[in-house]
C-alpha atoms as a PDB file:
ATOM      1  CA  MET A   1      71.109   4.799  21.575  1.00  0.00           C
ATOM      2  CA  ASP A   2      70.318   7.509  19.468  1.00  0.00           C
ATOM      3  CA  ALA A   3      70.196  11.023  21.131  1.00  0.00           C
ATOM      4  CA  GLY A   4      67.501  12.568  19.117  1.00  0.00           C
ATOM      5  CA  ILE A   5      64.770   9.691  19.612  1.00  0.00           C
ATOM      6  CA  SER A   6      62.501  11.833  22.007  1.00  0.00           C
ATOM      7  CA  ASP A   7      62.804  14.875  19.735  1.00  0.00           C
ATOM      8  CA  PHE A   8      61.478  12.380  16.783  1.00  0.00           C
ATOM      9  CA  LYS A   9      58.827  10.672  18.893  1.00  0.00           C
ATOM     10  CA  GLU A  10      57.637  14.477  19.773  1.00  0.00           C
ATOM     11  CA  CYS A  11      57.782  15.221  16.148  1.00  0.00           C
ATOM     12  CA  LEU A  12      55.475  12.343  15.045  1.00  0.00           C
ATOM     13  CA  LYS A  13      53.148  12.751  17.341  1.00  0.00           C
ATOM     14  CA  HIS A  14      53.153  16.826  16.666  1.00  0.00           C
ATOM     15  CA  PHE A  15      52.782  15.335  12.775  1.00  0.00           C
ATOM     16  CA  ARG A  16      49.244  12.815  13.397  1.00  0.00           C
ATOM     17  CA  ALA A  17      47.898  15.699  15.403  1.00  0.00           C
ATOM     18  CA  GLY A  18      48.342  18.059  12.209  1.00  0.00           C
ATOM     19  CA  HIS A  19      50.729  20.593  13.872  1.00  0.00           C
ATOM     20  CA  THR A  20      53.566  20.664  11.394  1.00  0.00           C
ATOM     21  CA  GLU A  21      54.672  23.518  12.494  1.00  0.00           C
ATOM     22  CA  GLN A  22      55.967  21.806  15.952  1.00  0.00           C
ATOM     23  CA  ALA A  23      56.646  18.610  14.335  1.00  0.00           C
ATOM     24  CA  LEU A  24      59.145  20.588  11.998  1.00  0.00           C
ATOM     25  CA  LEU A  25      60.676  21.724  14.687  1.00  0.00           C
ATOM     26  CA  CYS A  26      61.185  18.591  16.769  1.00  0.00           C
ATOM     27  CA  ALA A  27      62.082  17.284  13.670  1.00  0.00           C
ATOM     28  CA  ARG A  28      65.011  19.846  13.038  1.00  0.00           C
ATOM     29  CA  ARG A  29      66.678  19.465  16.491  1.00  0.00           C
ATOM     30  CA  ALA A  30      65.980  15.239  16.362  1.00  0.00           C
ATOM     31  CA  LEU A  31      68.239  16.245  12.866  1.00  0.00           C
ATOM     32  CA  ASN A  32      70.781  17.980  15.031  1.00  0.00           C
ATOM     33  CA  ILE A  33      71.493  15.302  16.764  1.00  0.00           C
ATOM     34  CA  ALA A  34      71.697  12.631  15.099  1.00  0.00           C
ATOM     35  CA  PRO A  35      72.181  14.154  11.066  1.00  0.00           C
ATOM     36  CA  LYS A  36      73.073  10.773   9.444  1.00  0.00           C
ATOM     37  CA  ASN A  37      69.862   8.888  10.743  1.00  0.00           C
ATOM     38  CA  PRO A  38      67.418   8.798   7.320  1.00  0.00           C
ATOM     39  CA  PHE A  39      64.600   9.034   9.353  1.00  0.00           C
ATOM     40  CA  TYR A  40      65.003  12.307  10.947  1.00  0.00           C
ATOM     41  CA  LEU A  41      66.062  13.508   7.222  1.00  0.00           C
ATOM     42  CA  SER A  42      63.438  12.263   5.870  1.00  0.00           C
ATOM     43  CA  TYR A  43      60.364  13.935   7.943  1.00  0.00           C
ATOM     44  CA  ALA A  44      63.062  17.146   8.331  1.00  0.00           C
ATOM     45  CA  GLY A  45      62.075  17.260   4.716  1.00  0.00           C
ATOM     46  CA  LEU A  46      58.331  16.295   3.755  1.00  0.00           C
ATOM     47  CA  LEU A  47      57.599  18.789   6.815  1.00  0.00           C
ATOM     48  CA  ALA A  48      59.555  21.266   5.149  1.00  0.00           C
ATOM     49  CA  SER A  49      57.484  20.893   2.249  1.00  0.00           C
ATOM     50  CA  LYS A  50      54.505  21.119   4.152  1.00  0.00           C
ATOM     51  CA  VAL A  51      55.095  24.207   5.961  1.00  0.00           C
ATOM     52  CA  GLU A  52      57.649  26.316   4.194  1.00  0.00           C
ATOM     53  CA  GLN A  53      56.933  25.024   0.531  1.00  0.00           C
ATOM     54  CA  ARG A  54      60.847  24.134   0.264  1.00  0.00           C
ATOM     55  CA  VAL A  55      60.317  21.229  -1.912  1.00  0.00           C
ATOM     56  CA  ASP A  56      64.067  21.582  -3.272  1.00  0.00           C
ATOM     57  CA  VAL A  57      65.525  21.426  -0.317  1.00  0.00           C
ATOM     58  CA  ALA A  58      62.418  18.372   0.699  1.00  0.00           C
ATOM     59  CA  GLU A  59      63.427  16.424  -2.390  1.00  0.00           C
ATOM     60  CA  MET A  60      67.281  16.587  -1.477  1.00  0.00           C
ATOM     61  CA  LEU A  61      66.512  15.995   1.891  1.00  0.00           C
ATOM     62  CA  CYS A  62      63.944  12.535   1.077  1.00  0.00           C
ATOM     63  CA  GLN A  63      66.547  11.841  -2.008  1.00  0.00           C
ATOM     64  CA  GLU A  64      69.565  11.403   0.274  1.00  0.00           C
ATOM     65  CA  ALA A  65      67.358   9.698   3.216  1.00  0.00           C
ATOM     66  CA  ILE A  66      66.240   6.854   0.316  1.00  0.00           C
ATOM     67  CA  GLY A  67      70.410   6.495  -0.195  1.00  0.00           C
ATOM     68  CA  MET A  68      70.949   5.640   3.110  1.00  0.00           C
ATOM     69  CA  ARG A  69      68.458   2.943   3.342  1.00  0.00           C
ATOM     70  CA  HIS A  70      67.104   2.321   0.138  1.00  0.00           C
ATOM     71  CA  ASN A  71      64.441  -0.718   1.709  1.00  0.00           C
ATOM     72  CA  ASP A  72      62.333   1.287   3.901  1.00  0.00           C
ATOM     73  CA  ALA A  73      59.121   1.578   2.705  1.00  0.00           C
ATOM     74  CA  GLN A  74      58.405   4.758   4.464  1.00  0.00           C
ATOM     75  CA  LEU A  75      61.442   7.085   2.856  1.00  0.00           C
ATOM     76  CA  TYR A  76      59.784   6.048  -0.206  1.00  0.00           C
ATOM     77  CA  LEU A  77      56.463   7.407   1.057  1.00  0.00           C
ATOM     78  CA  ASN A  78      57.420  10.685   2.176  1.00  0.00           C
ATOM     79  CA  LEU A  79      59.384  11.896  -0.979  1.00  0.00           C
ATOM     80  CA  ALA A  80      56.252  11.150  -2.989  1.00  0.00           C
ATOM     81  CA  GLU A  81      54.176  13.117  -0.519  1.00  0.00           C
ATOM     82  CA  VAL A  82      56.702  15.773  -1.051  1.00  0.00           C
ATOM     83  CA  TYR A  83      56.003  15.072  -4.994  1.00  0.00           C
ATOM     84  CA  ARG A  84      51.920  15.216  -4.041  1.00  0.00           C
ATOM     85  CA  ASN A  85      52.244  18.484  -2.375  1.00  0.00           C
ATOM     86  CA  ALA A  86      54.546  20.132  -5.172  1.00  0.00           C
ATOM     87  CA  GLN A  87      51.442  18.838  -7.911  1.00  0.00           C
ATOM     88  CA  ARG A  88      54.482  16.595  -9.359  1.00  0.00           C
ATOM     89  CA  SER A  89      52.121  13.731  -9.327  1.00  0.00           C
ATOM     90  CA  GLU A  90      54.022  11.461 -12.278  1.00  0.00           C
ATOM     91  CA  GLU A  91      57.625  11.889 -10.054  1.00  0.00           C
ATOM     92  CA  ALA A  92      55.759  10.524  -7.023  1.00  0.00           C
ATOM     93  CA  ILE A  93      54.291   7.772  -9.178  1.00  0.00           C
ATOM     94  CA  GLN A  94      57.551   7.055 -10.297  1.00  0.00           C
ATOM     95  CA  VAL A  95      59.243   7.128  -7.004  1.00  0.00           C
ATOM     96  CA  LEU A  96      56.562   4.707  -5.301  1.00  0.00           C
ATOM     97  CA  GLU A  97      57.326   1.988  -8.007  1.00  0.00           C
ATOM     98  CA  ARG A  98      60.906   2.487  -7.045  1.00  0.00           C
ATOM     99  CA  GLY A  99      60.031   1.691  -3.397  1.00  0.00           C
ATOM    100  CA  LEU A 100      57.371  -0.876  -4.441  1.00  0.00           C
ATOM    101  CA  LYS A 101      60.954  -3.114  -6.175  1.00  0.00           C
ATOM    102  CA  SER A 102      63.267  -2.043  -3.423  1.00  0.00           C
ATOM    103  CA  THR A 103      60.776  -2.737  -0.236  1.00  0.00           C
ATOM    104  CA  GLY A 104      59.307  -6.165  -1.176  1.00  0.00           C
ATOM    105  CA  ARG A 105      55.558  -4.542  -2.393  1.00  0.00           C
ATOM    106  CA  ASP A 106      54.634  -2.865   0.533  1.00  0.00           C
ATOM    107  CA  PHE A 107      51.207  -2.503   0.977  1.00  0.00           C
ATOM    108  CA  ARG A 108      51.411   1.139   1.895  1.00  0.00           C
ATOM    109  CA  ILE A 109      53.388   1.197  -1.643  1.00  0.00           C
ATOM    110  CA  ARG A 110      50.590   0.009  -3.023  1.00  0.00           C
ATOM    111  CA  ARG A 111      48.175   1.720  -1.388  1.00  0.00           C
ATOM    112  CA  ALA A 112      49.672   5.433  -1.449  1.00  0.00           C
ATOM    113  CA  LEU A 113      50.141   3.960  -5.940  1.00  0.00           C
ATOM    114  CA  GLU A 114      46.142   3.472  -6.215  1.00  0.00           C
ATOM    115  CA  LYS A 115      45.480   7.147  -4.722  1.00  0.00           C
ATOM    116  CA  ILE A 116      47.014   9.343  -7.433  1.00  0.00           C
ATOM    117  CA  ALA A 117      48.321   6.378 -10.017  1.00  0.00           C
ATOM    118  CA  THR A 118      45.371   5.796 -12.201  1.00  0.00           C
ATOM    119  CA  ARG A 119      44.796   2.486 -13.891  1.00  0.00           C
ATOM    120  CA  ARG A 120      44.547   1.913 -17.377  1.00  0.00           C
ATOM    121  CA  GLU A 121      41.186  -0.439 -19.016  1.00  0.00           C
ATOM    122  CA  PRO A 122      41.857  -4.335 -19.098  1.00  0.00           C
ATOM    123  CA  VAL A 123      43.647  -5.169 -22.249  1.00  0.00           C
ATOM    124  CA  PHE A 124      40.282  -7.584 -22.722  1.00  0.00           C
ATOM    125  CA  SER A 125      37.743  -5.661 -21.519  1.00  0.00           C
ATOM    126  CA  SER A 126      35.159  -8.853 -21.830  1.00  0.00           C
ATOM    127  CA  LEU A 127      38.217 -10.458 -19.136  1.00  0.00           C
ATOM    128  CA  TYR A 128      38.068  -9.630 -15.398  1.00  0.00           C
ATOM    129  CA  ARG A 129      41.177  -7.630 -14.597  1.00  0.00           C
ATOM    130  CA  GLY A 130      42.384 -10.306 -12.690  1.00  0.00           C
ATOM    131  CA  HIS A 131      42.182 -12.787 -15.519  1.00  0.00           C
ATOM    132  CA  PRO A 132      45.750 -14.463 -16.301  1.00  0.00           C
ATOM    133  CA  LEU A 133      45.641 -13.169 -19.706  1.00  0.00           C
ATOM    134  CA  ASN A 134      44.644  -9.564 -19.003  1.00  0.00           C
ATOM    135  CA  ARG A 135      47.583  -9.324 -16.031  1.00  0.00           C
ATOM    136  CA  ILE A 136      49.986 -11.011 -18.876  1.00  0.00           C
ATOM    137  CA  PHE A 137      49.246  -8.622 -21.606  1.00  0.00           C
ATOM    138  CA  GLY A 138      48.622  -6.039 -18.749  1.00  0.00           C
ATOM    139  CA  LYS A 139      52.649  -6.410 -17.891  1.00  0.00           C
ATOM    140  CA  PHE A 140      53.444  -6.714 -21.244  1.00  0.00           C
ATOM    141  CA  ARG A 141      51.280  -3.390 -22.790  1.00  0.00           C
ATOM    142  CA  HIS A 142      52.937  -1.415 -19.341  1.00  0.00           C
ATOM    143  CA  ARG A 143      56.902  -2.705 -20.340  1.00  0.00           C
ATOM    144  CA  LEU A 144      56.175  -1.931 -24.037  1.00  0.00           C
ATOM    145  CA  LEU A 145      54.747   1.678 -23.138  1.00  0.00           C
ATOM    146  CA  GLY A 146      57.223   2.495 -20.703  1.00  0.00           C
ATOM    147  CA  ARG A 147      60.374   1.625 -22.977  1.00  0.00           C
ATOM    148  CA  LEU A 148      58.651   4.094 -25.800  1.00  0.00           C
ATOM    149  CA  LEU A 149      57.892   6.786 -23.407  1.00  0.00           C
ATOM    150  CA  LYS A 150      61.785   6.690 -22.703  1.00  0.00           C
ATOM    151  CA  THR A 151      62.303   7.063 -26.315  1.00  0.00           C
ATOM    152  CA  VAL A 152      60.628  10.049 -26.773  1.00  0.00           C
ATOM    153  CA  LYS A 153      62.029  11.830 -23.980  1.00  0.00           C
END
């Protein structure tokens, strides 16, 4: 059993209560005990961005956590929150889209994407959004625009 679990549980309790400074202290204690735990890394990063505005450190910790456990939705959500706190919404969207692919379309990631991503108009405005033609041509438009944007950069 992981020795840092009690510190991490305390971290989550403080975090949910809005006491981010105490949560950061608990996350760091847990991380000192188990430095290779991806959840401890991710939450330490998220809280460092919230409390100390250390986005560079937060990004590194969260990326390392995702590298260790790429199929856990919470790790992507934490990194996206770091980007959102830093006013980097485009990167947050990219992380969440990557998370959707890695986690099997987790509902929490979809919900987070809906909050920050603006949806394009349906391809055929006379049909409802979920109509098969809008879905097929919408996916095609998304892929085409994605490729165009990559060539422009």
